[in-house]
Amino acid sequence: AEVRPFPNAKVAPATEAPEVPVQPVSSPPAEAPAKKKRSVRSFLLPVIGAALLGAGAWYGYDYWTTGRFMISTDDAYV
């Protein structure tokens, strides 16, 4: 197998960025927009989601540890 040296990389000539004219800052806006309050929905959805996830985890754990071994029947004789 023949090993050839890597060809010299071509370097682009250095260029300077064009100057952007600076405009004087005008007066700031009269009023800053009021911060939006978090809606009730944006608070409740994560809480409900976490509750559902926790309930599902509890049910899954209960089933995995004890529930899958329980047997029931409706027509058994005593």
N, C-alpha and C. Protein backbone atom coordinates (compact mmCIF):
# COMPACT_ATOMS: atom_id res chain seq x y z
N ALA A 1 0.84 -1.17 0.00
CA ALA A 1 0.00 0.00 0.00
C ALA A 1 0.89 1.23 0.00
N GLU A 2 0.47 2.17 -0.77
CA GLU A 2 1.24 3.41 -0.90
C GLU A 2 0.65 4.47 0.01
N VAL A 3 1.49 5.14 0.75
CA VAL A 3 1.05 6.20 1.65
C VAL A 3 1.47 7.52 1.04
N ARG A 4 0.46 8.36 0.77
CA ARG A 4 0.76 9.67 0.21
C ARG A 4 0.53 10.72 1.28
N PRO A 5 1.34 11.78 1.29
CA PRO A 5 1.14 12.83 2.29
C PRO A 5 -0.15 13.61 1.98
N PHE A 6 -0.74 14.13 3.04
CA PHE A 6 -1.96 14.93 2.91
C PHE A 6 -1.63 16.20 2.15
N PRO A 7 -2.43 16.57 1.13
CA PRO A 7 -2.12 17.79 0.38
C PRO A 7 -2.27 19.02 1.28
N ASN A 8 -1.47 20.04 0.97
CA ASN A 8 -1.53 21.27 1.76
C ASN A 8 -2.91 21.88 1.64
N ALA A 9 -3.44 22.29 2.77
CA ALA A 9 -4.76 22.90 2.78
C ALA A 9 -4.66 24.32 2.25
N LYS A 10 -5.63 24.70 1.45
CA LYS A 10 -5.65 26.07 0.93
C LYS A 10 -6.33 26.95 1.97
N VAL A 11 -5.68 28.03 2.31
CA VAL A 11 -6.20 28.94 3.31
C VAL A 11 -6.81 30.12 2.60
N ALA A 12 -8.03 30.45 2.96
CA ALA A 12 -8.70 31.60 2.36
C ALA A 12 -8.03 32.87 2.85
N PRO A 13 -7.92 33.88 1.98
CA PRO A 13 -7.30 35.13 2.42
C PRO A 13 -8.15 35.80 3.50
N ALA A 14 -7.48 36.43 4.43
CA ALA A 14 -8.18 37.09 5.52
C ALA A 14 -8.93 38.30 4.99
N THR A 15 -10.18 38.39 5.35
CA THR A 15 -10.99 39.55 4.97
C THR A 15 -11.57 40.15 6.23
N GLU A 16 -11.78 41.42 6.17
CA GLU A 16 -12.37 42.10 7.32
C GLU A 16 -13.87 42.22 7.10
N ALA A 17 -14.60 42.14 8.19
CA ALA A 17 -16.05 42.26 8.10
C ALA A 17 -16.40 43.70 7.74
N PRO A 18 -17.41 43.89 6.91
CA PRO A 18 -17.80 45.26 6.56
C PRO A 18 -18.34 45.98 7.80
N GLU A 19 -18.04 47.24 7.87
CA GLU A 19 -18.49 48.02 9.03
C GLU A 19 -19.97 48.32 8.90
N VAL A 20 -20.66 48.17 10.00
CA VAL A 20 -22.08 48.47 10.04
C VAL A 20 -22.22 49.86 10.66
N PRO A 21 -22.93 50.76 9.99
CA PRO A 21 -23.07 52.10 10.56
C PRO A 21 -23.84 52.04 11.88
N VAL A 22 -23.31 52.74 12.86
CA VAL A 22 -23.93 52.76 14.18
C VAL A 22 -24.94 53.89 14.22
N GLN A 23 -26.16 53.54 14.56
CA GLN A 23 -27.20 54.56 14.65
C GLN A 23 -27.39 54.94 16.11
N PRO A 24 -27.61 56.20 16.38
CA PRO A 24 -27.81 56.60 17.77
C PRO A 24 -29.06 55.94 18.34
N VAL A 25 -28.98 55.61 19.61
CA VAL A 25 -30.11 54.95 20.26
C VAL A 25 -31.20 55.97 20.50
N SER A 26 -32.39 55.64 20.04
CA SER A 26 -33.51 56.55 20.28
C SER A 26 -34.01 56.35 21.70
N SER A 27 -34.95 57.14 22.10
CA SER A 27 -35.45 57.05 23.47
C SER A 27 -36.06 55.66 23.71
N PRO A 28 -35.89 55.14 24.92
CA PRO A 28 -36.43 53.81 25.22
C PRO A 28 -37.96 53.83 25.13
N PRO A 29 -38.56 52.68 24.96
CA PRO A 29 -40.02 52.64 24.88
C PRO A 29 -40.65 53.20 26.15
N ALA A 30 -41.81 53.78 26.00
CA ALA A 30 -42.47 54.45 27.12
C ALA A 30 -42.77 53.47 28.25
N GLU A 31 -43.33 52.29 27.92
CA GLU A 31 -43.66 51.32 28.95
C GLU A 31 -43.08 49.97 28.58
N ALA A 32 -42.54 49.32 29.56
CA ALA A 32 -42.08 47.95 29.33
C ALA A 32 -43.31 47.05 29.40
N PRO A 33 -43.38 46.04 28.54
CA PRO A 33 -44.55 45.17 28.59
C PRO A 33 -44.62 44.42 29.93
N ALA A 34 -45.82 44.29 30.44
CA ALA A 34 -46.01 43.61 31.72
C ALA A 34 -45.70 42.13 31.57
N LYS A 35 -45.11 41.55 32.61
CA LYS A 35 -44.82 40.13 32.56
C LYS A 35 -46.12 39.34 32.62
N LYS A 36 -46.16 38.30 31.81
CA LYS A 36 -47.37 37.48 31.78
C LYS A 36 -47.39 36.58 33.01
N LYS A 37 -48.56 36.46 33.60
CA LYS A 37 -48.71 35.54 34.72
C LYS A 37 -48.82 34.13 34.17
N ARG A 38 -48.35 33.19 34.92
CA ARG A 38 -48.50 31.79 34.50
C ARG A 38 -49.96 31.41 34.66
N SER A 39 -50.50 30.84 33.64
CA SER A 39 -51.90 30.46 33.71
C SER A 39 -52.07 29.25 34.61
N VAL A 40 -53.29 29.05 35.03
CA VAL A 40 -53.61 27.92 35.90
C VAL A 40 -53.36 26.62 35.16
N ARG A 41 -53.66 26.60 33.87
CA ARG A 41 -53.48 25.38 33.07
C ARG A 41 -52.01 24.99 33.02
N SER A 42 -51.12 25.96 32.83
CA SER A 42 -49.70 25.63 32.75
C SER A 42 -49.15 25.15 34.09
N PHE A 43 -49.85 25.42 35.17
CA PHE A 43 -49.45 24.91 36.48
C PHE A 43 -50.06 23.54 36.75
N LEU A 44 -51.34 23.36 36.38
CA LEU A 44 -52.04 22.12 36.70
C LEU A 44 -51.62 20.94 35.84
N LEU A 45 -51.32 21.16 34.58
CA LEU A 45 -50.99 20.04 33.70
C LEU A 45 -49.77 19.26 34.18
N PRO A 46 -48.67 19.89 34.55
CA PRO A 46 -47.54 19.10 35.07
C PRO A 46 -47.88 18.40 36.40
N VAL A 47 -48.68 19.05 37.24
CA VAL A 47 -49.05 18.45 38.52
C VAL A 47 -49.91 17.21 38.29
N ILE A 48 -50.89 17.32 37.40
CA ILE A 48 -51.75 16.17 37.09
C ILE A 48 -50.94 15.07 36.42
N GLY A 49 -50.04 15.45 35.53
CA GLY A 49 -49.19 14.45 34.88
C GLY A 49 -48.32 13.71 35.87
N ALA A 50 -47.75 14.43 36.83
CA ALA A 50 -46.91 13.79 37.85
C ALA A 50 -47.75 12.87 38.73
N ALA A 51 -48.99 13.29 39.05
CA ALA A 51 -49.87 12.46 39.87
C ALA A 51 -50.23 11.17 39.13
N LEU A 52 -50.55 11.28 37.85
CA LEU A 52 -50.87 10.09 37.06
C LEU A 52 -49.67 9.17 36.93
N LEU A 53 -48.51 9.74 36.74
CA LEU A 53 -47.30 8.93 36.64
C LEU A 53 -47.02 8.21 37.97
N GLY A 54 -47.21 8.91 39.08
CA GLY A 54 -47.02 8.29 40.39
C GLY A 54 -48.03 7.19 40.65
N ALA A 55 -49.31 7.43 40.29
CA ALA A 55 -50.33 6.40 40.49
C ALA A 55 -50.05 5.18 39.63
N GLY A 56 -49.62 5.40 38.40
CA GLY A 56 -49.28 4.27 37.53
C GLY A 56 -48.09 3.49 38.06
N ALA A 57 -47.10 4.19 38.60
CA ALA A 57 -45.93 3.52 39.17
C ALA A 57 -46.32 2.70 40.39
N TRP A 58 -47.19 3.26 41.25
CA TRP A 58 -47.64 2.52 42.43
C TRP A 58 -48.42 1.28 42.03
N TYR A 59 -49.34 1.41 41.09
CA TYR A 59 -50.13 0.27 40.64
C TYR A 59 -49.23 -0.79 40.00
N GLY A 60 -48.29 -0.36 39.19
CA GLY A 60 -47.37 -1.30 38.55
C GLY A 60 -46.52 -2.04 39.56
N TYR A 61 -46.03 -1.34 40.57
CA TYR A 61 -45.22 -1.98 41.61
C TYR A 61 -46.06 -2.98 42.39
N ASP A 62 -47.29 -2.58 42.75
CA ASP A 62 -48.17 -3.47 43.50
C ASP A 62 -48.49 -4.72 42.68
N TYR A 63 -48.76 -4.55 41.41
CA TYR A 63 -49.05 -5.71 40.56
C TYR A 63 -47.82 -6.60 40.45
N TRP A 64 -46.66 -6.01 40.25
CA TRP A 64 -45.45 -6.80 40.02
C TRP A 64 -45.05 -7.59 41.27
N THR A 65 -45.27 -7.01 42.46
CA THR A 65 -44.82 -7.69 43.67
C THR A 65 -45.86 -8.66 44.23
N THR A 66 -47.16 -8.35 44.16
CA THR A 66 -48.16 -9.24 44.76
C THR A 66 -49.31 -9.57 43.83
N GLY A 67 -49.74 -8.66 43.03
CA GLY A 67 -50.95 -8.83 42.24
C GLY A 67 -50.89 -9.95 41.23
N ARG A 68 -49.76 -10.22 40.66
CA ARG A 68 -49.69 -11.25 39.62
C ARG A 68 -49.76 -12.65 40.20
N PHE A 69 -49.65 -12.79 41.51
CA PHE A 69 -49.73 -14.11 42.13
C PHE A 69 -51.12 -14.42 42.69
N MET A 70 -52.05 -13.47 42.66
CA MET A 70 -53.39 -13.69 43.20
C MET A 70 -54.27 -14.36 42.16
N ILE A 71 -55.05 -15.34 42.63
CA ILE A 71 -55.96 -16.06 41.75
C ILE A 71 -57.35 -15.94 42.35
N SER A 72 -58.33 -15.64 41.54
CA SER A 72 -59.70 -15.55 42.04
C SER A 72 -60.62 -16.31 41.10
N THR A 73 -61.74 -16.76 41.65
CA THR A 73 -62.72 -17.47 40.84
C THR A 73 -64.11 -17.15 41.37
N ASP A 74 -65.10 -17.25 40.51
CA ASP A 74 -66.47 -16.94 40.91
C ASP A 74 -67.27 -18.20 41.23
N ASP A 75 -66.84 -19.35 40.76
CA ASP A 75 -67.64 -20.56 40.92
C ASP A 75 -66.92 -21.64 41.74
N ALA A 76 -66.27 -21.24 42.79
CA ALA A 76 -65.53 -22.21 43.60
C ALA A 76 -66.41 -22.77 44.71
N TYR A 77 -66.22 -24.05 45.03
CA TYR A 77 -66.90 -24.67 46.16
C TYR A 77 -66.02 -24.53 47.39
N VAL A 78 -66.66 -24.38 48.52
CA VAL A 78 -65.92 -24.28 49.76
C VAL A 78 -66.02 -25.57 50.51
